[in-house]
Amino acid sequence: MLSSRLATLKALLFLACLALGSLAACGGNTLEAATPSVTRKGIVRVTVEDISKDVLQFKVHNLSKEPLTVIKSEIEVETPYGVIRMPGGTKAPVYEVPPGGQQPVHIKLTLKDMERHDPVEVHFDNAIRQRGQPVAMDPVLFYVKHASE
């Protein structure tokens, strides 16, 4: 009988969340940017543009006088549970960013198994290249938080 009531309560909670328009409104995790922008002086700046559900939206700004290449499959996400390498995706896996130009880069990431306050680092240092060489830079840091926070 107790398991029946629990199942009923879970179903009601699920329906209430749908009525509010989002499961995240009733629970679940999201990310908060601890470093919304990372810069390698005179070469590149990566900014966090948006965090929606399981998609992180970045913008790569070319600050140099030479073109930059962004190789999406070289972006790595480091969590306490391991390193995730981003697949190239269905859109262009390699972007050329002209001097002074900008390029949006979207990363899909699941937070299903992550705990509150877990650090998540997005590493672009192997993905962004100038003259074929990786550009060393700090990672973009996020922390997992509960959607209601």
C-alpha atoms as a PDB file:
ATOM      1  CA  MET A   1       0.000   0.000   0.000  1.00  0.00           C
ATOM      2  CA  LEU A   2       2.845   2.385   0.836  1.00  0.00           C
ATOM      3  CA  SER A   3       4.502   1.766  -2.537  1.00  0.00           C
ATOM      4  CA  SER A   4       1.169   2.476  -4.252  1.00  0.00           C
ATOM      5  CA  ARG A   5       0.866   5.829  -2.469  1.00  0.00           C
ATOM      6  CA  LEU A   6       4.474   6.683  -3.284  1.00  0.00           C
ATOM      7  CA  ALA A   7       3.908   5.905  -6.954  1.00  0.00           C
ATOM      8  CA  THR A   8       0.775   8.081  -6.938  1.00  0.00           C
ATOM      9  CA  LEU A   9       2.660  10.965  -5.318  1.00  0.00           C
ATOM     10  CA  LYS A  10       5.493  10.691  -7.851  1.00  0.00           C
ATOM     11  CA  ALA A  11       2.979  10.728 -10.707  1.00  0.00           C
ATOM     12  CA  LEU A  12       1.240  13.798  -9.277  1.00  0.00           C
ATOM     13  CA  LEU A  13       4.570  15.578  -8.857  1.00  0.00           C
ATOM     14  CA  PHE A  14       5.495  14.742 -12.447  1.00  0.00           C
ATOM     15  CA  LEU A  15       2.164  16.128 -13.712  1.00  0.00           C
ATOM     16  CA  ALA A  16       2.590  19.285 -11.614  1.00  0.00           C
ATOM     17  CA  CYS A  17       6.046  19.799 -13.118  1.00  0.00           C
ATOM     18  CA  LEU A  18       4.634  19.404 -16.629  1.00  0.00           C
ATOM     19  CA  ALA A  19       1.933  21.953 -15.797  1.00  0.00           C
ATOM     20  CA  LEU A  20       4.654  24.404 -14.746  1.00  0.00           C
ATOM     21  CA  GLY A  21       6.269  23.887 -18.124  1.00  0.00           C
ATOM     22  CA  SER A  22       9.492  22.199 -17.096  1.00  0.00           C
ATOM     23  CA  LEU A  23      10.811  19.325 -15.087  1.00  0.00           C
ATOM     24  CA  ALA A  24      13.735  21.572 -14.085  1.00  0.00           C
ATOM     25  CA  ALA A  25      11.265  23.855 -12.294  1.00  0.00           C
ATOM     26  CA  CYS A  26      10.510  21.022  -9.877  1.00  0.00           C
ATOM     27  CA  GLY A  27      13.903  19.511  -9.503  1.00  0.00           C
ATOM     28  CA  GLY A  28      16.909  18.300 -11.314  1.00  0.00           C
ATOM     29  CA  ASN A  29      20.282  19.889 -11.739  1.00  0.00           C
ATOM     30  CA  THR A  30      21.639  22.717 -13.798  1.00  0.00           C
ATOM     31  CA  LEU A  31      25.002  24.422 -14.105  1.00  0.00           C
ATOM     32  CA  GLU A  32      26.156  27.797 -12.881  1.00  0.00           C
ATOM     33  CA  ALA A  33      29.196  29.424 -14.466  1.00  0.00           C
ATOM     34  CA  ALA A  34      31.930  30.204 -11.934  1.00  0.00           C
ATOM     35  CA  THR A  35      34.082  31.696 -14.716  1.00  0.00           C
ATOM     36  CA  PRO A  36      31.751  33.151 -17.352  1.00  0.00           C
ATOM     37  CA  SER A  37      34.696  34.215 -19.516  1.00  0.00           C
ATOM     38  CA  VAL A  38      38.228  32.871 -20.086  1.00  0.00           C
ATOM     39  CA  THR A  39      40.820  34.791 -22.087  1.00  0.00           C
ATOM     40  CA  ARG A  40      44.222  34.045 -23.559  1.00  0.00           C
ATOM     41  CA  LYS A  41      45.475  37.599 -23.914  1.00  0.00           C
ATOM     42  CA  GLY A  42      45.740  38.783 -27.487  1.00  0.00           C
ATOM     43  CA  ILE A  43      44.587  35.471 -28.944  1.00  0.00           C
ATOM     44  CA  VAL A  44      41.153  34.241 -27.865  1.00  0.00           C
ATOM     45  CA  ARG A  45      38.305  34.739 -25.394  1.00  0.00           C
ATOM     46  CA  VAL A  46      35.646  32.113 -24.677  1.00  0.00           C
ATOM     47  CA  THR A  47      32.439  33.399 -23.077  1.00  0.00           C
ATOM     48  CA  VAL A  48      29.451  31.540 -21.663  1.00  0.00           C
ATOM     49  CA  GLU A  49      26.447  32.848 -23.576  1.00  0.00           C
ATOM     50  CA  ASP A  50      23.651  30.701 -22.154  1.00  0.00           C
ATOM     51  CA  ILE A  51      22.903  27.600 -20.120  1.00  0.00           C
ATOM     52  CA  SER A  52      19.596  25.999 -21.029  1.00  0.00           C
ATOM     53  CA  LYS A  53      18.621  22.532 -19.908  1.00  0.00           C
ATOM     54  CA  ASP A  54      21.459  20.293 -21.055  1.00  0.00           C
ATOM     55  CA  VAL A  55      23.044  22.653 -23.619  1.00  0.00           C
ATOM     56  CA  LEU A  56      25.943  24.984 -22.856  1.00  0.00           C
ATOM     57  CA  GLN A  57      26.268  27.832 -25.328  1.00  0.00           C
ATOM     58  CA  PHE A  58      29.666  29.468 -25.729  1.00  0.00           C
ATOM     59  CA  LYS A  59      31.078  32.101 -28.037  1.00  0.00           C
ATOM     60  CA  VAL A  60      34.691  31.964 -29.209  1.00  0.00           C
ATOM     61  CA  HIS A  61      36.082  35.471 -29.898  1.00  0.00           C
ATOM     62  CA  ASN A  62      39.219  35.702 -32.046  1.00  0.00           C
ATOM     63  CA  LEU A  63      41.326  38.515 -30.538  1.00  0.00           C
ATOM     64  CA  SER A  64      44.321  37.877 -32.783  1.00  0.00           C
ATOM     65  CA  LYS A  65      45.344  39.025 -36.252  1.00  0.00           C
ATOM     66  CA  GLU A  66      45.414  35.434 -37.510  1.00  0.00           C
ATOM     67  CA  PRO A  67      42.593  32.946 -38.109  1.00  0.00           C
ATOM     68  CA  LEU A  68      41.725  30.442 -35.388  1.00  0.00           C
ATOM     69  CA  THR A  69      40.404  26.925 -35.850  1.00  0.00           C
ATOM     70  CA  VAL A  70      37.936  25.390 -33.392  1.00  0.00           C
ATOM     71  CA  ILE A  71      37.744  21.595 -33.498  1.00  0.00           C
ATOM     72  CA  LYS A  72      34.578  20.643 -31.650  1.00  0.00           C
ATOM     73  CA  SER A  73      35.590  17.003 -31.126  1.00  0.00           C
ATOM     74  CA  GLU A  74      38.668  18.199 -29.178  1.00  0.00           C
ATOM     75  CA  ILE A  75      36.586  19.982 -26.504  1.00  0.00           C
ATOM     76  CA  GLU A  76      36.780  18.059 -23.250  1.00  0.00           C
ATOM     77  CA  VAL A  77      34.486  18.225 -20.225  1.00  0.00           C
ATOM     78  CA  GLU A  78      36.071  17.173 -16.950  1.00  0.00           C
ATOM     79  CA  THR A  79      33.820  16.052 -14.108  1.00  0.00           C
ATOM     80  CA  PRO A  80      34.549  14.239 -10.829  1.00  0.00           C
ATOM     81  CA  TYR A  81      33.429  11.088 -12.665  1.00  0.00           C
ATOM     82  CA  GLY A  82      35.802  11.331 -15.621  1.00  0.00           C
ATOM     83  CA  VAL A  83      36.581  13.217 -18.809  1.00  0.00           C
ATOM     84  CA  ILE A  84      34.032  13.434 -21.616  1.00  0.00           C
ATOM     85  CA  ARG A  85      35.182  14.224 -25.132  1.00  0.00           C
ATOM     86  CA  MET A  86      32.616  16.031 -27.236  1.00  0.00           C
ATOM     87  CA  PRO A  87      31.434  14.339 -30.433  1.00  0.00           C
ATOM     88  CA  GLY A  88      31.670  16.435 -33.577  1.00  0.00           C
ATOM     89  CA  GLY A  89      27.885  16.530 -33.881  1.00  0.00           C
ATOM     90  CA  THR A  90      25.788  16.868 -37.005  1.00  0.00           C
ATOM     91  CA  LYS A  91      26.794  20.458 -37.704  1.00  0.00           C
ATOM     92  CA  ALA A  92      30.246  21.538 -38.833  1.00  0.00           C
ATOM     93  CA  PRO A  93      32.751  19.826 -36.519  1.00  0.00           C
ATOM     94  CA  VAL A  94      35.492  22.333 -37.417  1.00  0.00           C
ATOM     95  CA  TYR A  95      35.020  26.104 -37.400  1.00  0.00           C
ATOM     96  CA  GLU A  96      37.324  28.736 -38.859  1.00  0.00           C
ATOM     97  CA  VAL A  97      37.169  32.018 -36.954  1.00  0.00           C
ATOM     98  CA  PRO A  98      38.630  35.000 -38.849  1.00  0.00           C
ATOM     99  CA  PRO A  99      40.618  37.728 -37.066  1.00  0.00           C
ATOM    100  CA  GLY A 100      38.188  39.790 -34.995  1.00  0.00           C
ATOM    101  CA  GLY A 101      35.439  37.233 -35.632  1.00  0.00           C
ATOM    102  CA  GLN A 102      33.197  35.225 -33.310  1.00  0.00           C
ATOM    103  CA  GLN A 103      31.867  31.681 -33.453  1.00  0.00           C
ATOM    104  CA  PRO A 104      29.055  30.156 -31.367  1.00  0.00           C
ATOM    105  CA  VAL A 105      29.806  26.672 -30.040  1.00  0.00           C
ATOM    106  CA  HIS A 106      27.113  24.547 -28.373  1.00  0.00           C
ATOM    107  CA  ILE A 107      27.828  21.559 -26.162  1.00  0.00           C
ATOM    108  CA  LYS A 108      25.232  19.046 -25.034  1.00  0.00           C
ATOM    109  CA  LEU A 109      25.908  17.615 -21.587  1.00  0.00           C
ATOM    110  CA  THR A 110      23.871  15.386 -19.315  1.00  0.00           C
ATOM    111  CA  LEU A 111      23.820  16.191 -15.598  1.00  0.00           C
ATOM    112  CA  LYS A 112      21.842  13.079 -14.680  1.00  0.00           C
ATOM    113  CA  ASP A 113      24.487  11.451 -12.492  1.00  0.00           C
ATOM    114  CA  MET A 114      26.045  14.601 -11.055  1.00  0.00           C
ATOM    115  CA  GLU A 115      25.691  15.857  -7.503  1.00  0.00           C
ATOM    116  CA  ARG A 116      25.137  19.406  -6.255  1.00  0.00           C
ATOM    117  CA  HIS A 117      28.356  21.438  -6.032  1.00  0.00           C
ATOM    118  CA  ASP A 118      30.265  19.079  -8.349  1.00  0.00           C
ATOM    119  CA  PRO A 119      32.784  21.049 -10.429  1.00  0.00           C
ATOM    120  CA  VAL A 120      32.554  20.801 -14.206  1.00  0.00           C
ATOM    121  CA  GLU A 121      35.428  22.133 -16.316  1.00  0.00           C
ATOM    122  CA  VAL A 122      35.120  22.691 -20.067  1.00  0.00           C
ATOM    123  CA  HIS A 123      38.545  22.564 -21.705  1.00  0.00           C
ATOM    124  CA  PHE A 124      39.049  24.367 -25.009  1.00  0.00           C
ATOM    125  CA  ASP A 125      42.861  24.338 -24.980  1.00  0.00           C
ATOM    126  CA  ASN A 126      43.198  21.410 -27.428  1.00  0.00           C
ATOM    127  CA  ALA A 127      40.180  22.497 -29.454  1.00  0.00           C
ATOM    128  CA  ILE A 128      41.279  26.046 -30.293  1.00  0.00           C
ATOM    129  CA  ARG A 129      44.266  26.216 -32.613  1.00  0.00           C
ATOM    130  CA  GLN A 130      46.346  28.920 -34.192  1.00  0.00           C
ATOM    131  CA  ARG A 131      48.671  27.950 -37.054  1.00  0.00           C
ATOM    132  CA  GLY A 132      47.835  24.321 -36.224  1.00  0.00           C
ATOM    133  CA  GLN A 133      49.073  24.594 -32.629  1.00  0.00           C
ATOM    134  CA  PRO A 134      46.768  24.276 -29.590  1.00  0.00           C
ATOM    135  CA  VAL A 135      46.209  27.525 -27.676  1.00  0.00           C
ATOM    136  CA  ALA A 136      46.898  26.965 -23.973  1.00  0.00           C
ATOM    137  CA  MET A 137      44.183  28.494 -21.804  1.00  0.00           C
ATOM    138  CA  ASP A 138      42.352  27.938 -18.546  1.00  0.00           C
ATOM    139  CA  PRO A 139      39.151  25.871 -18.551  1.00  0.00           C
ATOM    140  CA  VAL A 140      35.687  27.372 -18.174  1.00  0.00           C
ATOM    141  CA  LEU A 141      34.501  26.364 -14.694  1.00  0.00           C
ATOM    142  CA  PHE A 142      30.931  25.515 -13.701  1.00  0.00           C
ATOM    143  CA  TYR A 143      29.322  24.094 -10.579  1.00  0.00           C
ATOM    144  CA  VAL A 144      26.300  21.826 -10.513  1.00  0.00           C
ATOM    145  CA  LYS A 145      23.384  23.328  -8.636  1.00  0.00           C
ATOM    146  CA  HIS A 146      19.802  22.298  -8.000  1.00  0.00           C
ATOM    147  CA  ALA A 147      17.415  23.947 -10.458  1.00  0.00           C
ATOM    148  CA  SER A 148      15.451  25.535  -7.593  1.00  0.00           C
ATOM    149  CA  GLU A 149      18.527  27.363  -6.222  1.00  0.00           C
END
